Amino acid sequence: MKFGVMILEGPYQHQASDSAYNFVESALKKGHEIAGIFLYTDGVENATSFMTPPQDDRHISKRWAELIQKNGIDTIVCIAAGKRRGITEANIIKGARISGLGQLTELGINADRLITFGD
């Protein structure tokens, strides 16, 4: 099955990012395809390269960057949501790109299922 993933919550104030990460990792291990990941509203904060969590905490953006680069997953940061939160091409993780809501529509068309994490 080909899954699209949309994340609507930031990395540390909600479990949506961790749940999405675990879902993507598990789906890939089971042989499923991830058609893409779309970061929207507060979910764009998962892609900031400015994240510097304490040493004893998980580094969510680094973890996402490694997963998407290793597996070649198209990861889109919504341009409007990113601009509202100070996220630009200059400060997003490697492997992600900035684009518009049209990419979310395309992801929904290309995936068998679009799974949303967060409210």
N, C-alpha and C. Protein backbone atom coordinates (compact mmCIF):
# COMPACT_ATOMS: atom_id res chain seq x y z
N MET A 1 0.84 -1.17 0.00
CA MET A 1 0.00 0.00 0.00
C MET A 1 0.89 1.24 0.00
N LYS A 2 0.41 2.29 -0.63
CA LYS A 2 1.13 3.55 -0.72
C LYS A 2 0.44 4.57 0.19
N PHE A 3 1.18 5.03 1.21
CA PHE A 3 0.63 5.97 2.19
C PHE A 3 1.17 7.38 1.97
N GLY A 4 0.29 8.34 2.17
CA GLY A 4 0.67 9.74 2.30
C GLY A 4 0.50 10.10 3.77
N VAL A 5 1.35 10.96 4.28
CA VAL A 5 1.30 11.32 5.69
C VAL A 5 1.25 12.84 5.82
N MET A 6 0.33 13.32 6.64
CA MET A 6 0.26 14.75 6.94
C MET A 6 0.41 14.93 8.45
N ILE A 7 1.29 15.84 8.85
CA ILE A 7 1.53 16.12 10.26
C ILE A 7 1.11 17.55 10.55
N LEU A 8 0.23 17.70 11.55
CA LEU A 8 -0.35 19.00 11.86
C LEU A 8 0.13 19.61 13.18
N GLU A 9 0.93 18.88 13.93
CA GLU A 9 1.35 19.35 15.26
C GLU A 9 2.87 19.48 15.33
N GLY A 10 3.32 20.38 16.20
CA GLY A 10 4.74 20.58 16.42
C GLY A 10 5.37 19.39 17.12
N PRO A 11 6.68 19.37 17.19
CA PRO A 11 7.39 18.19 17.65
C PRO A 11 7.38 17.90 19.15
N TYR A 12 7.26 18.89 19.99
CA TYR A 12 7.42 18.63 21.42
C TYR A 12 6.17 18.90 22.25
N GLN A 13 5.17 19.53 21.69
CA GLN A 13 3.97 19.82 22.47
C GLN A 13 2.84 18.81 22.24
N HIS A 14 3.08 17.84 21.40
CA HIS A 14 2.04 16.87 21.05
C HIS A 14 2.73 15.59 20.58
N GLN A 15 2.10 14.47 20.70
CA GLN A 15 2.72 13.20 20.29
C GLN A 15 2.57 12.91 18.81
N ALA A 16 1.92 13.78 18.05
CA ALA A 16 1.65 13.52 16.63
C ALA A 16 2.92 13.24 15.83
N SER A 17 3.97 14.01 16.07
CA SER A 17 5.21 13.82 15.31
C SER A 17 5.83 12.45 15.61
N ASP A 18 5.88 12.09 16.88
CA ASP A 18 6.43 10.79 17.25
C ASP A 18 5.59 9.65 16.67
N SER A 19 4.27 9.80 16.73
CA SER A 19 3.38 8.77 16.18
C SER A 19 3.56 8.65 14.67
N ALA A 20 3.66 9.78 13.99
CA ALA A 20 3.86 9.77 12.54
C ALA A 20 5.19 9.12 12.18
N TYR A 21 6.23 9.47 12.92
CA TYR A 21 7.55 8.88 12.68
C TYR A 21 7.51 7.36 12.85
N ASN A 22 6.91 6.91 13.94
CA ASN A 22 6.81 5.47 14.18
C ASN A 22 5.98 4.77 13.11
N PHE A 23 4.91 5.43 12.65
CA PHE A 23 4.08 4.87 11.59
C PHE A 23 4.89 4.72 10.30
N VAL A 24 5.59 5.79 9.91
CA VAL A 24 6.37 5.76 8.67
C VAL A 24 7.45 4.68 8.74
N GLU A 25 8.15 4.64 9.84
CA GLU A 25 9.21 3.65 10.02
C GLU A 25 8.65 2.22 9.95
N SER A 26 7.53 1.98 10.62
CA SER A 26 6.91 0.65 10.60
C SER A 26 6.38 0.28 9.23
N ALA A 27 5.74 1.23 8.57
CA ALA A 27 5.20 0.97 7.23
C ALA A 27 6.32 0.58 6.26
N LEU A 28 7.42 1.30 6.33
CA LEU A 28 8.56 0.98 5.45
C LEU A 28 9.11 -0.41 5.75
N LYS A 29 9.22 -0.76 7.03
CA LYS A 29 9.72 -2.08 7.41
C LYS A 29 8.81 -3.20 6.92
N LYS A 30 7.50 -2.90 6.83
CA LYS A 30 6.53 -3.90 6.36
C LYS A 30 6.47 -3.95 4.83
N GLY A 31 7.24 -3.12 4.14
CA GLY A 31 7.28 -3.14 2.68
C GLY A 31 6.32 -2.19 2.00
N HIS A 32 5.66 -1.32 2.77
CA HIS A 32 4.77 -0.32 2.18
C HIS A 32 5.59 0.85 1.63
N GLU A 33 4.96 1.64 0.81
CA GLU A 33 5.60 2.82 0.23
C GLU A 33 5.04 4.07 0.89
N ILE A 34 5.89 5.05 1.11
CA ILE A 34 5.44 6.35 1.60
C ILE A 34 5.51 7.30 0.41
N ALA A 35 4.34 7.71 -0.07
CA ALA A 35 4.27 8.58 -1.24
C ALA A 35 4.79 9.98 -0.93
N GLY A 36 4.71 10.38 0.32
CA GLY A 36 5.21 11.69 0.71
C GLY A 36 4.72 12.05 2.10
N ILE A 37 5.34 13.09 2.63
CA ILE A 37 4.97 13.64 3.93
C ILE A 37 4.70 15.12 3.73
N PHE A 38 3.57 15.60 4.25
CA PHE A 38 3.22 17.01 4.14
C PHE A 38 3.13 17.59 5.55
N LEU A 39 3.93 18.61 5.82
CA LEU A 39 3.94 19.27 7.12
C LEU A 39 3.12 20.55 7.00
N TYR A 40 2.10 20.66 7.83
CA TYR A 40 1.14 21.76 7.72
C TYR A 40 0.85 22.33 9.10
N THR A 41 0.38 23.53 9.17
CA THR A 41 0.13 24.29 10.40
C THR A 41 1.35 24.15 11.31
N ASP A 42 1.17 23.82 12.60
CA ASP A 42 2.32 23.71 13.51
C ASP A 42 3.24 22.54 13.16
N GLY A 43 2.78 21.64 12.31
CA GLY A 43 3.60 20.52 11.89
C GLY A 43 4.87 20.93 11.15
N VAL A 44 4.88 22.15 10.58
CA VAL A 44 6.07 22.62 9.87
C VAL A 44 7.27 22.74 10.81
N GLU A 45 7.00 22.88 12.10
CA GLU A 45 8.09 23.03 13.07
C GLU A 45 8.95 21.76 13.18
N ASN A 46 8.45 20.64 12.70
CA ASN A 46 9.23 19.40 12.69
C ASN A 46 10.40 19.49 11.73
N ALA A 47 10.39 20.44 10.82
CA ALA A 47 11.41 20.52 9.78
C ALA A 47 12.44 21.62 10.02
N THR A 48 12.42 22.27 11.16
CA THR A 48 13.39 23.33 11.37
C THR A 48 14.76 22.77 11.74
N SER A 49 15.77 23.29 11.10
CA SER A 49 17.14 22.89 11.41
C SER A 49 17.67 23.65 12.62
N PHE A 50 16.89 24.59 13.15
CA PHE A 50 17.29 25.38 14.32
C PHE A 50 17.02 24.66 15.64
N MET A 51 16.40 23.49 15.58
CA MET A 51 16.06 22.74 16.78
C MET A 51 17.33 22.27 17.49
N THR A 52 17.44 22.55 18.78
CA THR A 52 18.58 22.09 19.57
C THR A 52 18.08 21.59 20.92
N PRO A 53 17.51 20.39 20.95
CA PRO A 53 16.98 19.86 22.21
C PRO A 53 18.10 19.51 23.19
N PRO A 54 17.75 19.40 24.46
CA PRO A 54 18.75 18.99 25.45
C PRO A 54 19.37 17.64 25.07
N GLN A 55 20.58 17.42 25.55
CA GLN A 55 21.34 16.23 25.18
C GLN A 55 20.61 14.93 25.51
N ASP A 56 19.82 14.91 26.57
CA ASP A 56 19.14 13.68 26.98
C ASP A 56 17.76 13.52 26.36
N ASP A 57 17.40 14.38 25.42
CA ASP A 57 16.09 14.32 24.76
C ASP A 57 16.27 13.89 23.31
N ARG A 58 15.19 13.39 22.71
CA ARG A 58 15.26 12.98 21.30
C ARG A 58 15.33 14.23 20.42
N HIS A 59 16.05 14.12 19.33
CA HIS A 59 16.22 15.23 18.38
C HIS A 59 15.31 14.95 17.19
N ILE A 60 14.09 15.45 17.28
CA ILE A 60 13.04 15.07 16.32
C ILE A 60 13.38 15.48 14.89
N SER A 61 13.83 16.71 14.67
CA SER A 61 14.10 17.12 13.28
C SER A 61 15.27 16.33 12.69
N LYS A 62 16.27 16.03 13.49
CA LYS A 62 17.40 15.21 13.01
C LYS A 62 16.92 13.81 12.65
N ARG A 63 16.06 13.26 13.48
CA ARG A 63 15.51 11.93 13.24
C ARG A 63 14.71 11.91 11.93
N TRP A 64 13.87 12.94 11.72
CA TRP A 64 13.10 13.03 10.47
C TRP A 64 14.04 13.15 9.28
N ALA A 65 15.05 14.03 9.39
CA ALA A 65 15.97 14.24 8.27
C ALA A 65 16.65 12.93 7.86
N GLU A 66 17.09 12.17 8.83
CA GLU A 66 17.76 10.89 8.54
C GLU A 66 16.81 9.91 7.86
N LEU A 67 15.57 9.83 8.36
CA LEU A 67 14.60 8.89 7.79
C LEU A 67 14.22 9.26 6.36
N ILE A 68 13.95 10.53 6.12
CA ILE A 68 13.49 10.92 4.77
C ILE A 68 14.62 10.84 3.75
N GLN A 69 15.84 11.16 4.18
CA GLN A 69 16.97 11.06 3.25
C GLN A 69 17.31 9.61 2.94
N LYS A 70 17.32 8.78 3.97
CA LYS A 70 17.65 7.36 3.79
C LYS A 70 16.67 6.67 2.85
N ASN A 71 15.40 7.06 2.93
CA ASN A 71 14.35 6.38 2.16
C ASN A 71 13.86 7.18 0.96
N GLY A 72 14.42 8.35 0.72
CA GLY A 72 14.03 9.16 -0.43
C GLY A 72 12.58 9.60 -0.40
N ILE A 73 12.09 9.95 0.77
CA ILE A 73 10.68 10.34 0.92
C ILE A 73 10.52 11.83 0.62
N ASP A 74 9.65 12.15 -0.33
CA ASP A 74 9.35 13.54 -0.65
C ASP A 74 8.65 14.17 0.56
N THR A 75 9.27 15.17 1.16
CA THR A 75 8.74 15.81 2.35
C THR A 75 8.56 17.29 2.08
N ILE A 76 7.32 17.74 2.20
CA ILE A 76 6.96 19.10 1.85
C ILE A 76 6.57 19.89 3.09
N VAL A 77 7.15 21.08 3.22
CA VAL A 77 6.79 22.03 4.26
C VAL A 77 5.88 23.06 3.61
N CYS A 78 4.68 23.24 4.14
CA CYS A 78 3.73 24.20 3.57
C CYS A 78 4.33 25.61 3.65
N ILE A 79 4.37 26.30 2.52
CA ILE A 79 5.00 27.61 2.45
C ILE A 79 4.29 28.64 3.33
N ALA A 80 2.97 28.66 3.31
CA ALA A 80 2.24 29.66 4.10
C ALA A 80 2.42 29.41 5.60
N ALA A 81 2.26 28.17 6.01
CA ALA A 81 2.43 27.84 7.42
C ALA A 81 3.87 28.06 7.86
N GLY A 82 4.81 27.74 7.00
CA GLY A 82 6.22 27.95 7.32
C GLY A 82 6.56 29.41 7.48
N LYS A 83 6.09 30.25 6.57
CA LYS A 83 6.38 31.68 6.66
C LYS A 83 5.82 32.28 7.94
N ARG A 84 4.64 31.83 8.35
CA ARG A 84 4.05 32.33 9.59
C ARG A 84 4.90 31.97 10.81
N ARG A 85 5.71 30.93 10.69
CA ARG A 85 6.49 30.43 11.82
C ARG A 85 8.00 30.64 11.63
N GLY A 86 8.37 31.43 10.63
CA GLY A 86 9.78 31.75 10.40
C GLY A 86 10.59 30.64 9.78
N ILE A 87 9.92 29.70 9.13
CA ILE A 87 10.62 28.58 8.50
C ILE A 87 10.72 28.83 7.01
N THR A 88 11.96 28.80 6.52
CA THR A 88 12.24 29.09 5.11
C THR A 88 13.18 28.02 4.55
N GLU A 89 13.50 28.14 3.28
CA GLU A 89 14.46 27.22 2.65
C GLU A 89 15.81 27.24 3.37
N ALA A 90 16.13 28.38 3.98
CA ALA A 90 17.43 28.54 4.64
C ALA A 90 17.54 27.75 5.95
N ASN A 91 16.41 27.38 6.54
CA ASN A 91 16.49 26.72 7.85
C ASN A 91 15.64 25.47 7.97
N ILE A 92 15.46 24.76 6.85
CA ILE A 92 14.75 23.47 6.94
C ILE A 92 15.75 22.33 6.86
N ILE A 93 15.33 21.18 7.34
CA ILE A 93 16.18 20.00 7.36
C ILE A 93 16.48 19.53 5.94
N LYS A 94 17.61 18.84 5.79
CA LYS A 94 17.96 18.26 4.49
C LYS A 94 16.93 17.21 4.12
N GLY A 95 16.57 17.22 2.85
CA GLY A 95 15.60 16.26 2.34
C GLY A 95 14.19 16.81 2.26
N ALA A 96 13.94 17.92 2.95
CA ALA A 96 12.61 18.55 2.89
C ALA A 96 12.65 19.71 1.90
N ARG A 97 11.48 20.12 1.46
CA ARG A 97 11.39 21.26 0.55
C ARG A 97 10.13 22.06 0.88
N ILE A 98 10.08 23.29 0.44
CA ILE A 98 8.93 24.14 0.69
C ILE A 98 8.08 24.20 -0.56
N SER A 99 6.77 24.07 -0.38
CA SER A 99 5.84 24.16 -1.49
C SER A 99 4.46 24.50 -0.95
N GLY A 100 3.47 24.51 -1.83
CA GLY A 100 2.13 24.92 -1.44
C GLY A 100 1.14 23.78 -1.26
N LEU A 101 -0.09 24.17 -0.99
CA LEU A 101 -1.15 23.19 -0.74
C LEU A 101 -1.47 22.31 -1.94
N GLY A 102 -1.09 22.75 -3.12
CA GLY A 102 -1.29 21.92 -4.31
C GLY A 102 -0.57 20.58 -4.17
N GLN A 103 0.56 20.60 -3.47
CA GLN A 103 1.32 19.36 -3.24
C GLN A 103 0.56 18.40 -2.34
N LEU A 104 -0.22 18.95 -1.40
CA LEU A 104 -1.05 18.10 -0.54
C LEU A 104 -2.13 17.42 -1.37
N THR A 105 -2.74 18.15 -2.28
CA THR A 105 -3.74 17.57 -3.17
C THR A 105 -3.12 16.45 -4.01
N GLU A 106 -1.95 16.72 -4.55
CA GLU A 106 -1.25 15.72 -5.36
C GLU A 106 -0.90 14.49 -4.53
N LEU A 107 -0.48 14.71 -3.30
CA LEU A 107 -0.17 13.59 -2.41
C LEU A 107 -1.40 12.73 -2.17
N GLY A 108 -2.53 13.39 -1.94
CA GLY A 108 -3.79 12.67 -1.72
C GLY A 108 -4.22 11.86 -2.93
N ILE A 109 -3.93 12.36 -4.11
CA ILE A 109 -4.27 11.66 -5.35
C ILE A 109 -3.34 10.46 -5.56
N ASN A 110 -2.06 10.64 -5.28
CA ASN A 110 -1.06 9.60 -5.56
C ASN A 110 -1.00 8.49 -4.51
N ALA A 111 -1.50 8.75 -3.31
CA ALA A 111 -1.45 7.75 -2.24
C ALA A 111 -2.74 6.93 -2.22
N ASP A 112 -2.63 5.70 -1.75
CA ASP A 112 -3.83 4.89 -1.53
C ASP A 112 -4.59 5.39 -0.31
N ARG A 113 -3.84 5.84 0.69
CA ARG A 113 -4.42 6.38 1.93
C ARG A 113 -3.61 7.59 2.36
N LEU A 114 -4.30 8.61 2.84
CA LEU A 114 -3.65 9.79 3.41
C LEU A 114 -3.94 9.77 4.90
N ILE A 115 -2.90 9.59 5.70
CA ILE A 115 -3.04 9.47 7.15
C ILE A 115 -2.63 10.80 7.77
N THR A 116 -3.48 11.33 8.64
CA THR A 116 -3.23 12.61 9.31
C THR A 116 -2.89 12.39 10.77
N PHE A 117 -1.85 13.07 11.23
CA PHE A 117 -1.43 13.02 12.63
C PHE A 117 -1.57 14.40 13.23
N GLY A 118 -2.38 14.53 14.26
CA GLY A 118 -2.63 15.81 14.93
C GLY A 118 -4.01 16.32 14.61
N ASP A 119 -4.35 17.41 15.29
CA ASP A 119 -5.69 18.03 15.10
C ASP A 119 -5.64 19.16 14.13
